Amino acid sequence: WVQGFSNKSFGFINNQTVCYPCGNYILFLDVETKKTTALQCQTGPVGAFAANASSEVVAFSDQKLNPIIYIHHFPELNKLTELKGSAQLDYTLLAFSFTGPYLASYSSIPEFVLSVWNWQENILLCSESQPGITATSLSFNPMNWQQLCFVGESSVTIWHIERIEDEHHLKRNPVELPDEQGSISPHEDLFFPVSRSDDPYHGPDLPVSAIAGLV
């Protein structure tokens, strides 16, 4: 019943309409009436794709040199804006924030750049390069648009979007993953180190700076 669905990205644009890319088109399927509406990408096949049900907008990139991100409103399908970044070949992932007019994008080789946009104002807020890292998933924290979850082929990173007045910066916070046996390798806590048998200090656990003044 889903014509042309390629088992890739899809999303709900409202409570009863699902949308997904199909070749040069974004198809909108009303799950109640089974009516399909098509939005054509005029410049070639659709690349990355994301939908936002709260704002009823869809974002997609085209697959061509120096790709552009287009944002359209449903059901009129009118174009709201175009986002032009530094990507040379392709965007692999797009993600809308749950609150606010924000969109995250990730480009493929050669840049591998994570970018955060204010799509309503057509402003690039911040970006960060991750050379050689292929992404598989990208999503905003539903409760906080200033946190992004970035999933790579062998890593998970929480990116914090820090703001100082009108400037925004991305701060990396890697997530430690368990090994094949499901355990996490212990690591030394440099702030509150574990006491060892040969440690001459037998008092309470204190920061390294405090211990240095006591021993």
N, C-alpha and C. Protein backbone atom coordinates (compact mmCIF):
# COMPACT_ATOMS: atom_id res chain seq x y z
N TRP A 1 0.81 -1.21 0.00
CA TRP A 1 0.00 0.00 0.00
C TRP A 1 0.85 1.26 0.00
N VAL A 2 2.14 1.12 0.22
CA VAL A 2 3.02 2.28 0.20
C VAL A 2 3.78 2.28 -1.12
N GLN A 3 3.32 3.05 -2.07
CA GLN A 3 3.90 3.06 -3.40
C GLN A 3 5.31 3.64 -3.39
N GLY A 4 6.26 2.87 -3.90
CA GLY A 4 7.62 3.37 -4.05
C GLY A 4 8.42 3.47 -2.78
N PHE A 5 7.95 2.92 -1.66
CA PHE A 5 8.70 3.02 -0.41
C PHE A 5 9.96 2.18 -0.50
N SER A 6 11.11 2.81 -0.20
CA SER A 6 12.40 2.15 -0.40
C SER A 6 13.01 1.64 0.90
N ASN A 7 12.19 1.57 1.96
CA ASN A 7 12.66 1.07 3.25
C ASN A 7 13.75 1.96 3.84
N LYS A 8 13.69 3.25 3.54
CA LYS A 8 14.64 4.21 4.10
C LYS A 8 13.92 5.09 5.11
N SER A 9 14.17 6.39 5.07
CA SER A 9 13.58 7.31 6.03
C SER A 9 12.10 7.54 5.75
N PHE A 10 11.34 7.73 6.81
CA PHE A 10 9.96 8.17 6.69
C PHE A 10 9.60 8.89 7.98
N GLY A 11 8.51 9.63 7.93
CA GLY A 11 8.08 10.36 9.12
C GLY A 11 6.66 10.84 8.96
N PHE A 12 6.04 11.18 10.08
CA PHE A 12 4.69 11.74 10.05
C PHE A 12 4.78 13.26 9.96
N ILE A 13 4.03 13.82 9.02
CA ILE A 13 3.98 15.26 8.85
C ILE A 13 2.82 15.85 9.65
N ASN A 14 1.84 15.01 9.98
CA ASN A 14 0.78 15.33 10.94
C ASN A 14 0.23 14.01 11.46
N ASN A 15 -0.88 14.06 12.18
CA ASN A 15 -1.37 12.85 12.84
C ASN A 15 -1.83 11.76 11.89
N GLN A 16 -2.15 12.11 10.65
CA GLN A 16 -2.68 11.10 9.74
C GLN A 16 -1.95 11.02 8.41
N THR A 17 -0.85 11.74 8.27
CA THR A 17 -0.13 11.75 7.00
C THR A 17 1.33 11.37 7.21
N VAL A 18 1.75 10.31 6.52
CA VAL A 18 3.14 9.88 6.57
C VAL A 18 3.81 10.30 5.27
N CYS A 19 5.10 10.62 5.34
CA CYS A 19 5.81 11.04 4.14
C CYS A 19 7.15 10.32 4.06
N TYR A 20 7.64 10.15 2.84
CA TYR A 20 8.89 9.42 2.62
C TYR A 20 9.44 9.77 1.25
N PRO A 21 10.76 9.69 1.07
CA PRO A 21 11.35 9.99 -0.24
C PRO A 21 11.20 8.82 -1.20
N CYS A 22 11.04 9.14 -2.47
CA CYS A 22 10.92 8.13 -3.52
C CYS A 22 11.48 8.72 -4.80
N GLY A 23 12.74 8.39 -5.11
CA GLY A 23 13.35 8.93 -6.32
C GLY A 23 13.50 10.43 -6.25
N ASN A 24 12.88 11.13 -7.20
CA ASN A 24 12.93 12.59 -7.25
C ASN A 24 11.78 13.24 -6.48
N TYR A 25 11.05 12.46 -5.70
CA TYR A 25 9.84 12.97 -5.06
C TYR A 25 9.84 12.71 -3.55
N ILE A 26 9.07 13.53 -2.85
CA ILE A 26 8.63 13.23 -1.50
C ILE A 26 7.15 12.91 -1.61
N LEU A 27 6.75 11.72 -1.17
CA LEU A 27 5.36 11.31 -1.24
C LEU A 27 4.70 11.46 0.13
N PHE A 28 3.49 12.01 0.13
CA PHE A 28 2.70 12.20 1.34
C PHE A 28 1.47 11.31 1.24
N LEU A 29 1.33 10.37 2.17
CA LEU A 29 0.24 9.41 2.14
C LEU A 29 -0.68 9.62 3.33
N ASP A 30 -1.95 9.93 3.04
CA ASP A 30 -2.97 10.02 4.09
C ASP A 30 -3.38 8.60 4.46
N VAL A 31 -3.10 8.19 5.69
CA VAL A 31 -3.33 6.80 6.07
C VAL A 31 -4.82 6.48 6.22
N GLU A 32 -5.67 7.50 6.28
CA GLU A 32 -7.11 7.26 6.39
C GLU A 32 -7.77 7.19 5.02
N THR A 33 -7.48 8.17 4.16
CA THR A 33 -8.12 8.21 2.84
C THR A 33 -7.30 7.48 1.78
N LYS A 34 -6.04 7.14 2.09
CA LYS A 34 -5.11 6.50 1.15
C LYS A 34 -4.75 7.42 -0.03
N LYS A 35 -5.03 8.70 0.09
CA LYS A 35 -4.69 9.66 -0.95
C LYS A 35 -3.20 10.01 -0.86
N THR A 36 -2.54 10.06 -2.02
CA THR A 36 -1.11 10.37 -2.08
C THR A 36 -0.88 11.70 -2.78
N THR A 37 -0.03 12.53 -2.17
CA THR A 37 0.38 13.80 -2.75
C THR A 37 1.89 13.76 -2.96
N ALA A 38 2.36 14.33 -4.06
CA ALA A 38 3.79 14.27 -4.39
C ALA A 38 4.40 15.66 -4.45
N LEU A 39 5.60 15.77 -3.90
CA LEU A 39 6.40 16.99 -4.00
C LEU A 39 7.67 16.64 -4.75
N GLN A 40 7.89 17.30 -5.87
CA GLN A 40 9.04 16.95 -6.71
C GLN A 40 10.26 17.78 -6.35
N CYS A 41 11.41 17.10 -6.28
CA CYS A 41 12.69 17.77 -6.16
C CYS A 41 13.15 18.12 -7.57
N GLN A 42 13.24 19.39 -7.88
CA GLN A 42 13.48 19.84 -9.24
C GLN A 42 14.91 19.61 -9.72
N THR A 43 15.83 19.33 -8.80
CA THR A 43 17.24 19.27 -9.17
C THR A 43 17.83 17.86 -9.15
N GLY A 44 16.99 16.84 -8.95
CA GLY A 44 17.51 15.48 -8.98
C GLY A 44 16.94 14.63 -7.87
N PRO A 45 17.52 13.45 -7.64
CA PRO A 45 17.02 12.54 -6.59
C PRO A 45 17.12 13.16 -5.20
N VAL A 46 16.21 12.75 -4.35
CA VAL A 46 16.20 13.22 -2.96
C VAL A 46 17.28 12.48 -2.18
N GLY A 47 18.03 13.23 -1.38
CA GLY A 47 19.08 12.64 -0.54
C GLY A 47 18.59 12.43 0.88
N ALA A 48 19.12 13.21 1.81
CA ALA A 48 18.68 13.12 3.21
C ALA A 48 17.28 13.70 3.35
N PHE A 49 16.60 13.30 4.43
CA PHE A 49 15.18 13.65 4.58
C PHE A 49 14.81 13.69 6.05
N ALA A 50 13.92 14.62 6.42
CA ALA A 50 13.40 14.69 7.79
C ALA A 50 12.05 15.39 7.76
N ALA A 51 11.18 15.03 8.72
CA ALA A 51 9.85 15.65 8.82
C ALA A 51 9.61 16.10 10.25
N ASN A 52 8.83 17.17 10.39
CA ASN A 52 8.49 17.71 11.70
C ASN A 52 6.98 17.88 11.78
N ALA A 53 6.34 17.02 12.58
CA ALA A 53 4.88 17.03 12.66
C ALA A 53 4.35 18.26 13.39
N SER A 54 5.09 18.79 14.36
CA SER A 54 4.59 19.93 15.12
C SER A 54 4.50 21.19 14.26
N SER A 55 5.43 21.34 13.32
CA SER A 55 5.42 22.50 12.43
C SER A 55 4.88 22.18 11.05
N GLU A 56 4.62 20.89 10.79
CA GLU A 56 4.16 20.42 9.48
C GLU A 56 5.09 20.89 8.36
N VAL A 57 6.38 20.63 8.56
CA VAL A 57 7.37 20.96 7.55
C VAL A 57 8.21 19.73 7.25
N VAL A 58 8.75 19.70 6.05
CA VAL A 58 9.62 18.61 5.63
C VAL A 58 10.90 19.21 5.07
N ALA A 59 12.02 18.58 5.37
CA ALA A 59 13.32 19.03 4.86
C ALA A 59 13.95 17.89 4.07
N PHE A 60 14.59 18.24 2.97
CA PHE A 60 15.30 17.23 2.18
C PHE A 60 16.42 17.91 1.41
N SER A 61 17.43 17.12 1.09
CA SER A 61 18.54 17.61 0.28
C SER A 61 18.48 16.96 -1.10
N ASP A 62 19.11 17.59 -2.05
CA ASP A 62 19.20 17.00 -3.39
C ASP A 62 20.55 16.32 -3.55
N GLN A 63 20.60 15.32 -4.41
CA GLN A 63 21.83 14.58 -4.65
C GLN A 63 22.51 15.13 -5.90
N LYS A 64 23.34 16.14 -5.68
CA LYS A 64 24.10 16.76 -6.75
C LYS A 64 25.30 17.44 -6.12
N LEU A 65 26.21 17.94 -6.95
CA LEU A 65 27.35 18.66 -6.42
C LEU A 65 26.87 19.91 -5.69
N ASN A 66 27.49 20.19 -4.55
CA ASN A 66 27.11 21.31 -3.70
C ASN A 66 25.60 21.27 -3.39
N PRO A 67 25.16 20.21 -2.72
CA PRO A 67 23.72 20.03 -2.46
C PRO A 67 23.14 21.12 -1.58
N ILE A 68 21.85 21.31 -1.72
CA ILE A 68 21.10 22.32 -0.97
C ILE A 68 20.03 21.60 -0.15
N ILE A 69 19.73 22.13 1.02
CA ILE A 69 18.65 21.62 1.86
C ILE A 69 17.42 22.49 1.63
N TYR A 70 16.31 21.85 1.25
CA TYR A 70 15.06 22.56 0.99
C TYR A 70 14.07 22.26 2.11
N ILE A 71 13.32 23.27 2.51
CA ILE A 71 12.29 23.09 3.54
C ILE A 71 10.95 23.57 2.98
N HIS A 72 9.96 22.66 3.01
CA HIS A 72 8.63 22.95 2.48
C HIS A 72 7.58 22.75 3.57
N HIS A 73 6.47 23.47 3.40
CA HIS A 73 5.36 23.38 4.35
C HIS A 73 4.24 22.53 3.77
N PHE A 74 3.65 21.71 4.62
CA PHE A 74 2.53 20.86 4.23
C PHE A 74 1.24 21.43 4.82
N PRO A 75 0.10 21.42 4.11
CA PRO A 75 -0.16 20.71 2.85
C PRO A 75 0.02 21.54 1.59
N GLU A 76 0.34 22.85 1.75
CA GLU A 76 0.48 23.68 0.55
C GLU A 76 1.68 23.28 -0.29
N LEU A 77 2.69 22.67 0.34
CA LEU A 77 3.94 22.25 -0.30
C LEU A 77 4.74 23.43 -0.83
N ASN A 78 4.50 24.61 -0.29
CA ASN A 78 5.28 25.78 -0.70
C ASN A 78 6.65 25.76 -0.04
N LYS A 79 7.63 26.24 -0.77
CA LYS A 79 9.01 26.26 -0.25
C LYS A 79 9.18 27.41 0.71
N LEU A 80 9.68 27.10 1.92
CA LEU A 80 9.89 28.13 2.93
C LEU A 80 11.29 28.72 2.86
N THR A 81 12.29 27.87 2.63
CA THR A 81 13.66 28.37 2.59
C THR A 81 14.58 27.34 1.96
N GLU A 82 15.80 27.78 1.64
CA GLU A 82 16.88 26.92 1.17
C GLU A 82 18.09 27.16 2.07
N LEU A 83 18.71 26.07 2.52
CA LEU A 83 19.90 26.16 3.36
C LEU A 83 21.11 25.71 2.55
N LYS A 84 22.08 26.61 2.42
CA LYS A 84 23.27 26.31 1.63
C LYS A 84 24.48 26.26 2.55
N GLY A 85 24.99 25.04 2.75
CA GLY A 85 26.14 24.85 3.62
C GLY A 85 27.41 24.58 2.85
N SER A 86 28.35 23.90 3.50
CA SER A 86 29.67 23.65 2.91
C SER A 86 29.78 22.28 2.25
N ALA A 87 28.70 21.50 2.26
CA ALA A 87 28.76 20.14 1.69
C ALA A 87 29.06 20.20 0.20
N GLN A 88 29.96 19.33 -0.23
CA GLN A 88 30.33 19.29 -1.64
C GLN A 88 29.62 18.17 -2.39
N LEU A 89 29.39 17.03 -1.72
CA LEU A 89 28.84 15.87 -2.43
C LEU A 89 27.45 15.47 -1.96
N ASP A 90 27.24 15.39 -0.63
CA ASP A 90 25.96 14.85 -0.18
C ASP A 90 25.75 15.14 1.30
N TYR A 91 24.47 15.21 1.69
CA TYR A 91 24.08 15.17 3.10
C TYR A 91 23.57 13.76 3.40
N THR A 92 23.98 13.21 4.53
CA THR A 92 23.56 11.86 4.88
C THR A 92 22.42 11.84 5.88
N LEU A 93 22.33 12.86 6.75
CA LEU A 93 21.29 12.87 7.78
C LEU A 93 20.78 14.29 8.00
N LEU A 94 19.47 14.38 8.27
CA LEU A 94 18.83 15.62 8.70
C LEU A 94 17.95 15.30 9.90
N ALA A 95 17.80 16.26 10.81
CA ALA A 95 16.95 16.05 11.98
C ALA A 95 16.40 17.39 12.46
N PHE A 96 15.09 17.44 12.69
CA PHE A 96 14.45 18.62 13.26
C PHE A 96 14.46 18.52 14.78
N SER A 97 14.54 19.68 15.44
CA SER A 97 14.35 19.72 16.88
C SER A 97 12.86 19.59 17.18
N PHE A 98 12.54 19.10 18.38
CA PHE A 98 11.14 18.95 18.77
C PHE A 98 10.54 20.29 19.17
N THR A 99 11.38 21.21 19.62
CA THR A 99 10.93 22.56 19.96
C THR A 99 11.85 23.56 19.28
N GLY A 100 11.28 24.66 18.80
CA GLY A 100 12.09 25.69 18.18
C GLY A 100 12.39 25.40 16.72
N PRO A 101 12.85 26.41 16.01
CA PRO A 101 13.09 26.30 14.55
C PRO A 101 14.50 25.82 14.22
N TYR A 102 14.85 24.64 14.69
CA TYR A 102 16.23 24.18 14.53
C TYR A 102 16.30 22.89 13.71
N LEU A 103 17.35 22.81 12.92
CA LEU A 103 17.59 21.65 12.07
C LEU A 103 19.06 21.28 12.15
N ALA A 104 19.34 19.99 12.32
CA ALA A 104 20.72 19.50 12.30
C ALA A 104 20.96 18.76 10.99
N SER A 105 22.16 18.89 10.46
CA SER A 105 22.52 18.19 9.23
C SER A 105 23.91 17.60 9.39
N TYR A 106 24.15 16.52 8.64
CA TYR A 106 25.48 15.90 8.63
C TYR A 106 25.84 15.58 7.19
N SER A 107 27.01 16.05 6.78
CA SER A 107 27.45 15.85 5.40
C SER A 107 28.38 14.65 5.30
N SER A 108 28.50 14.13 4.10
CA SER A 108 29.33 12.95 3.87
C SER A 108 30.75 13.38 3.52
N ILE A 109 31.52 12.43 2.99
CA ILE A 109 32.87 12.70 2.54
C ILE A 109 32.86 13.86 1.54
N PRO A 110 33.76 14.79 1.53
CA PRO A 110 35.00 14.81 2.32
C PRO A 110 34.92 15.62 3.62
N GLU A 111 33.79 16.31 3.89
CA GLU A 111 33.78 17.22 5.05
C GLU A 111 33.44 16.52 6.36
N PHE A 112 32.42 15.64 6.34
CA PHE A 112 31.91 15.01 7.57
C PHE A 112 31.62 16.09 8.62
N VAL A 113 30.75 17.03 8.25
CA VAL A 113 30.49 18.19 9.11
C VAL A 113 29.09 18.10 9.71
N LEU A 114 29.03 18.23 11.03
CA LEU A 114 27.77 18.34 11.76
C LEU A 114 27.42 19.81 11.89
N SER A 115 26.22 20.19 11.45
CA SER A 115 25.82 21.60 11.46
C SER A 115 24.46 21.74 12.13
N VAL A 116 24.25 22.88 12.77
CA VAL A 116 22.96 23.20 13.39
C VAL A 116 22.49 24.53 12.81
N TRP A 117 21.25 24.53 12.32
CA TRP A 117 20.68 25.70 11.65
C TRP A 117 19.46 26.22 12.39
N ASN A 118 19.23 27.52 12.29
CA ASN A 118 17.92 28.10 12.54
C ASN A 118 17.27 28.24 11.17
N TRP A 119 16.40 27.29 10.84
CA TRP A 119 15.90 27.26 9.46
C TRP A 119 14.91 28.38 9.17
N GLN A 120 14.23 28.88 10.20
CA GLN A 120 13.30 29.98 9.96
C GLN A 120 14.03 31.26 9.57
N GLU A 121 15.20 31.47 10.19
CA GLU A 121 15.99 32.67 9.89
C GLU A 121 17.05 32.41 8.82
N ASN A 122 17.17 31.16 8.38
CA ASN A 122 18.18 30.78 7.38
C ASN A 122 19.58 31.15 7.87
N ILE A 123 19.88 30.72 9.12
CA ILE A 123 21.16 31.04 9.74
C ILE A 123 21.85 29.75 10.17
N LEU A 124 23.12 29.61 9.81
CA LEU A 124 23.94 28.52 10.32
C LEU A 124 24.45 28.93 11.70
N LEU A 125 24.02 28.22 12.74
CA LEU A 125 24.39 28.58 14.10
C LEU A 125 25.79 28.11 14.45
N CYS A 126 26.11 26.86 14.12
CA CYS A 126 27.43 26.32 14.46
C CYS A 126 27.65 25.04 13.67
N SER A 127 28.91 24.63 13.58
CA SER A 127 29.24 23.40 12.88
C SER A 127 30.55 22.85 13.42
N GLU A 128 30.75 21.55 13.23
CA GLU A 128 31.95 20.88 13.71
C GLU A 128 32.27 19.71 12.78
N SER A 129 33.53 19.61 12.40
CA SER A 129 33.96 18.54 11.51
C SER A 129 34.38 17.31 12.30
N GLN A 130 34.03 16.12 11.77
CA GLN A 130 34.43 14.85 12.36
C GLN A 130 35.02 13.98 11.26
N PRO A 131 36.26 14.23 10.87
CA PRO A 131 36.85 13.57 9.70
C PRO A 131 36.76 12.05 9.77
N GLY A 132 36.22 11.47 8.71
CA GLY A 132 36.18 10.03 8.56
C GLY A 132 35.08 9.31 9.31
N ILE A 133 34.25 10.01 10.07
CA ILE A 133 33.21 9.36 10.87
C ILE A 133 31.90 9.30 10.08
N THR A 134 31.43 8.09 9.84
CA THR A 134 30.17 7.88 9.13
C THR A 134 29.04 7.79 10.15
N ALA A 135 28.00 8.59 9.96
CA ALA A 135 26.88 8.63 10.90
C ALA A 135 25.77 7.69 10.46
N THR A 136 25.09 7.10 11.45
CA THR A 136 23.94 6.24 11.18
C THR A 136 22.65 6.81 11.75
N SER A 137 22.75 7.72 12.73
CA SER A 137 21.55 8.29 13.33
C SER A 137 21.88 9.65 13.93
N LEU A 138 20.90 10.55 13.87
CA LEU A 138 21.07 11.90 14.40
C LEU A 138 19.72 12.37 14.93
N SER A 139 19.68 12.81 16.19
CA SER A 139 18.39 13.24 16.77
C SER A 139 18.62 14.24 17.89
N PHE A 140 17.63 15.13 18.06
CA PHE A 140 17.63 16.09 19.16
C PHE A 140 17.01 15.46 20.40
N ASN A 141 17.45 15.96 21.56
CA ASN A 141 16.78 15.62 22.81
C ASN A 141 15.37 16.23 22.76
N PRO A 142 14.31 15.43 22.94
CA PRO A 142 12.95 15.97 22.85
C PRO A 142 12.67 17.08 23.87
N MET A 143 13.41 17.07 24.99
CA MET A 143 13.17 18.05 26.04
C MET A 143 14.14 19.23 26.00
N ASN A 144 15.18 19.13 25.17
CA ASN A 144 16.20 20.17 25.16
C ASN A 144 16.85 20.23 23.78
N TRP A 145 16.55 21.27 23.01
CA TRP A 145 17.07 21.35 21.65
C TRP A 145 18.58 21.57 21.62
N GLN A 146 19.18 21.89 22.77
CA GLN A 146 20.61 22.15 22.82
C GLN A 146 21.42 20.87 23.07
N GLN A 147 20.78 19.72 22.91
CA GLN A 147 21.49 18.44 23.02
C GLN A 147 21.16 17.59 21.80
N LEU A 148 22.22 17.07 21.17
CA LEU A 148 22.09 16.23 19.99
C LEU A 148 22.72 14.87 20.27
N CYS A 149 22.03 13.81 19.85
CA CYS A 149 22.60 12.47 19.94
C CYS A 149 23.09 12.07 18.55
N PHE A 150 24.38 11.81 18.46
CA PHE A 150 25.02 11.45 17.19
C PHE A 150 25.52 10.02 17.30
N VAL A 151 25.03 9.15 16.43
CA VAL A 151 25.42 7.74 16.45
C VAL A 151 26.24 7.43 15.21
N GLY A 152 27.47 6.97 15.42
CA GLY A 152 28.33 6.54 14.33
C GLY A 152 28.33 5.03 14.23
N GLU A 153 29.18 4.51 13.36
CA GLU A 153 29.24 3.06 13.17
C GLU A 153 29.79 2.35 14.40
N SER A 154 30.61 3.03 15.19
CA SER A 154 31.19 2.39 16.38
C SER A 154 31.26 3.33 17.57
N SER A 155 30.45 4.39 17.57
CA SER A 155 30.52 5.36 18.66
C SER A 155 29.19 6.08 18.82
N VAL A 156 28.99 6.60 20.04
CA VAL A 156 27.84 7.44 20.34
C VAL A 156 28.36 8.70 21.01
N THR A 157 27.90 9.85 20.52
CA THR A 157 28.36 11.13 21.07
C THR A 157 27.16 12.02 21.35
N ILE A 158 27.15 12.63 22.53
CA ILE A 158 26.17 13.65 22.85
C ILE A 158 26.83 15.01 22.61
N TRP A 159 26.26 15.77 21.71
CA TRP A 159 26.77 17.10 21.41
C TRP A 159 25.93 18.14 22.15
N HIS A 160 26.60 19.02 22.87
CA HIS A 160 25.92 20.11 23.56
C HIS A 160 26.10 21.39 22.74
N ILE A 161 25.00 22.08 22.51
CA ILE A 161 25.04 23.35 21.78
C ILE A 161 25.11 24.46 22.82
N GLU A 162 26.29 25.00 23.01
CA GLU A 162 26.49 26.04 24.00
C GLU A 162 26.31 27.41 23.36
N ARG A 163 25.69 28.31 24.11
CA ARG A 163 25.37 29.63 23.57
C ARG A 163 25.93 30.72 24.46
N ILE A 164 26.62 31.67 23.84
CA ILE A 164 27.10 32.87 24.52
C ILE A 164 26.59 34.06 23.71
N GLU A 165 25.55 34.70 24.22
CA GLU A 165 24.86 35.77 23.50
C GLU A 165 24.40 35.24 22.14
N ASP A 166 24.93 35.77 21.04
CA ASP A 166 24.48 35.33 19.71
C ASP A 166 25.39 34.26 19.10
N GLU A 167 26.40 33.83 19.83
CA GLU A 167 27.32 32.83 19.31
C GLU A 167 26.96 31.44 19.85
N HIS A 168 27.06 30.45 18.97
CA HIS A 168 26.77 29.06 19.34
C HIS A 168 27.99 28.20 19.04
N HIS A 169 28.23 27.23 19.92
CA HIS A 169 29.37 26.33 19.75
C HIS A 169 28.93 24.91 20.09
N LEU A 170 29.50 23.94 19.38
CA LEU A 170 29.23 22.54 19.65
C LEU A 170 30.32 21.97 20.54
N LYS A 171 29.91 21.32 21.63
CA LYS A 171 30.85 20.69 22.56
C LYS A 171 30.60 19.19 22.58
N ARG A 172 31.65 18.42 22.34
CA ARG A 172 31.56 16.97 22.25
C ARG A 172 31.57 16.31 23.63
N ASN A 173 30.70 15.31 23.81
CA ASN A 173 30.68 14.51 25.03
C ASN A 173 30.51 13.04 24.65
N PRO A 174 31.63 12.31 24.42
CA PRO A 174 31.53 10.91 23.98
C PRO A 174 30.88 10.04 25.05
N VAL A 175 30.12 9.05 24.60
CA VAL A 175 29.49 8.09 25.49
C VAL A 175 30.33 6.82 25.50
N GLU A 176 30.71 6.36 26.70
CA GLU A 176 31.51 5.14 26.80
C GLU A 176 30.62 3.93 26.59
N LEU A 177 30.96 3.11 25.60
CA LEU A 177 30.15 1.95 25.26
C LEU A 177 30.75 0.68 25.86
N PRO A 178 29.91 -0.30 26.20
CA PRO A 178 30.43 -1.57 26.73
C PRO A 178 31.13 -2.37 25.65
N ASP A 179 31.98 -3.32 26.09
CA ASP A 179 32.66 -4.17 25.14
C ASP A 179 31.74 -5.31 24.71
N GLU A 180 32.30 -6.30 24.00
CA GLU A 180 31.48 -7.40 23.48
C GLU A 180 30.84 -8.22 24.59
N GLN A 181 31.43 -8.22 25.79
CA GLN A 181 30.87 -8.96 26.91
C GLN A 181 29.85 -8.13 27.71
N GLY A 182 29.66 -6.89 27.29
CA GLY A 182 28.68 -6.04 27.95
C GLY A 182 29.20 -5.28 29.14
N SER A 183 30.52 -5.29 29.36
CA SER A 183 31.09 -4.59 30.50
C SER A 183 31.86 -3.36 30.02
N ILE A 184 31.97 -2.39 30.92
CA ILE A 184 32.69 -1.16 30.62
C ILE A 184 34.03 -1.19 31.33
N SER A 185 35.09 -0.91 30.61
CA SER A 185 36.43 -0.96 31.20
C SER A 185 36.57 0.10 32.27
N PRO A 186 37.10 -0.28 33.44
CA PRO A 186 37.29 0.72 34.50
C PRO A 186 38.37 1.72 34.10
N HIS A 187 38.22 2.94 34.57
CA HIS A 187 39.22 3.95 34.30
C HIS A 187 39.48 4.73 35.58
N GLU A 188 40.65 5.29 35.65
CA GLU A 188 41.05 6.00 36.86
C GLU A 188 40.37 7.35 36.94
N ASP A 189 39.80 7.62 38.10
CA ASP A 189 39.18 8.91 38.35
C ASP A 189 40.28 9.86 38.82
N LEU A 190 40.60 10.84 37.98
CA LEU A 190 41.70 11.74 38.30
C LEU A 190 41.33 12.76 39.36
N PHE A 191 40.04 12.94 39.59
CA PHE A 191 39.62 13.94 40.57
C PHE A 191 39.54 13.32 41.97
N PHE A 192 38.89 12.14 42.06
CA PHE A 192 38.84 11.40 43.31
C PHE A 192 39.45 10.02 43.06
N PRO A 193 40.78 9.89 43.08
CA PRO A 193 41.43 8.61 42.78
C PRO A 193 41.14 7.56 43.83
N VAL A 194 41.12 6.29 43.38
CA VAL A 194 40.90 5.18 44.30
C VAL A 194 42.16 4.96 45.14
N SER A 195 41.98 4.78 46.45
CA SER A 195 43.12 4.57 47.34
C SER A 195 43.77 3.23 47.06
N ARG A 196 45.10 3.20 47.07
CA ARG A 196 45.85 1.97 46.84
C ARG A 196 46.52 1.54 48.15
N SER A 197 46.92 0.25 48.20
CA SER A 197 47.52 -0.28 49.42
C SER A 197 48.84 0.40 49.76
N ASP A 198 49.54 0.89 48.74
CA ASP A 198 50.82 1.54 48.99
C ASP A 198 50.67 3.04 49.18
N ASP A 199 49.43 3.53 49.28
CA ASP A 199 49.19 4.95 49.46
C ASP A 199 49.40 5.30 50.93
N PRO A 200 50.35 6.17 51.27
CA PRO A 200 50.61 6.50 52.67
C PRO A 200 49.51 7.32 53.31
N TYR A 201 48.60 7.87 52.52
CA TYR A 201 47.53 8.69 53.09
C TYR A 201 46.32 7.81 53.39
N HIS A 202 45.82 7.85 54.64
CA HIS A 202 44.72 6.98 55.05
C HIS A 202 43.50 7.79 55.51
N GLY A 203 43.44 9.03 55.13
CA GLY A 203 42.31 9.86 55.51
C GLY A 203 41.16 9.73 54.53
N PRO A 204 40.21 10.65 54.58
CA PRO A 204 39.06 10.61 53.66
C PRO A 204 39.49 10.90 52.23
N ASP A 205 38.65 10.48 51.27
CA ASP A 205 38.93 10.76 49.87
C ASP A 205 38.80 12.25 49.61
N LEU A 206 39.86 12.82 49.07
CA LEU A 206 39.89 14.24 48.78
C LEU A 206 40.38 14.46 47.36
N PRO A 207 40.06 15.61 46.77
CA PRO A 207 40.61 15.92 45.45
C PRO A 207 42.13 15.90 45.47
N VAL A 208 42.72 15.63 44.30
CA VAL A 208 44.17 15.56 44.19
C VAL A 208 44.83 16.83 44.69
N SER A 209 44.23 17.98 44.38
CA SER A 209 44.83 19.25 44.79
C SER A 209 44.88 19.38 46.30
N ALA A 210 43.86 18.84 47.00
CA ALA A 210 43.85 18.92 48.46
C ALA A 210 44.85 17.96 49.07
N ILE A 211 44.94 16.74 48.50
CA ILE A 211 45.89 15.75 49.01
C ILE A 211 47.32 16.26 48.88
N ALA A 212 47.59 16.96 47.78
CA ALA A 212 48.94 17.47 47.56
C ALA A 212 49.38 18.40 48.68
N GLY A 213 48.44 19.06 49.32
CA GLY A 213 48.80 19.97 50.39
C GLY A 213 48.86 19.31 51.75
N LEU A 214 48.42 18.02 51.83
CA LEU A 214 48.38 17.35 53.12
C LEU A 214 49.50 16.35 53.31
N VAL A 215 49.93 15.72 52.20
CA VAL A 215 50.93 14.65 52.31
C VAL A 215 52.32 15.24 52.54
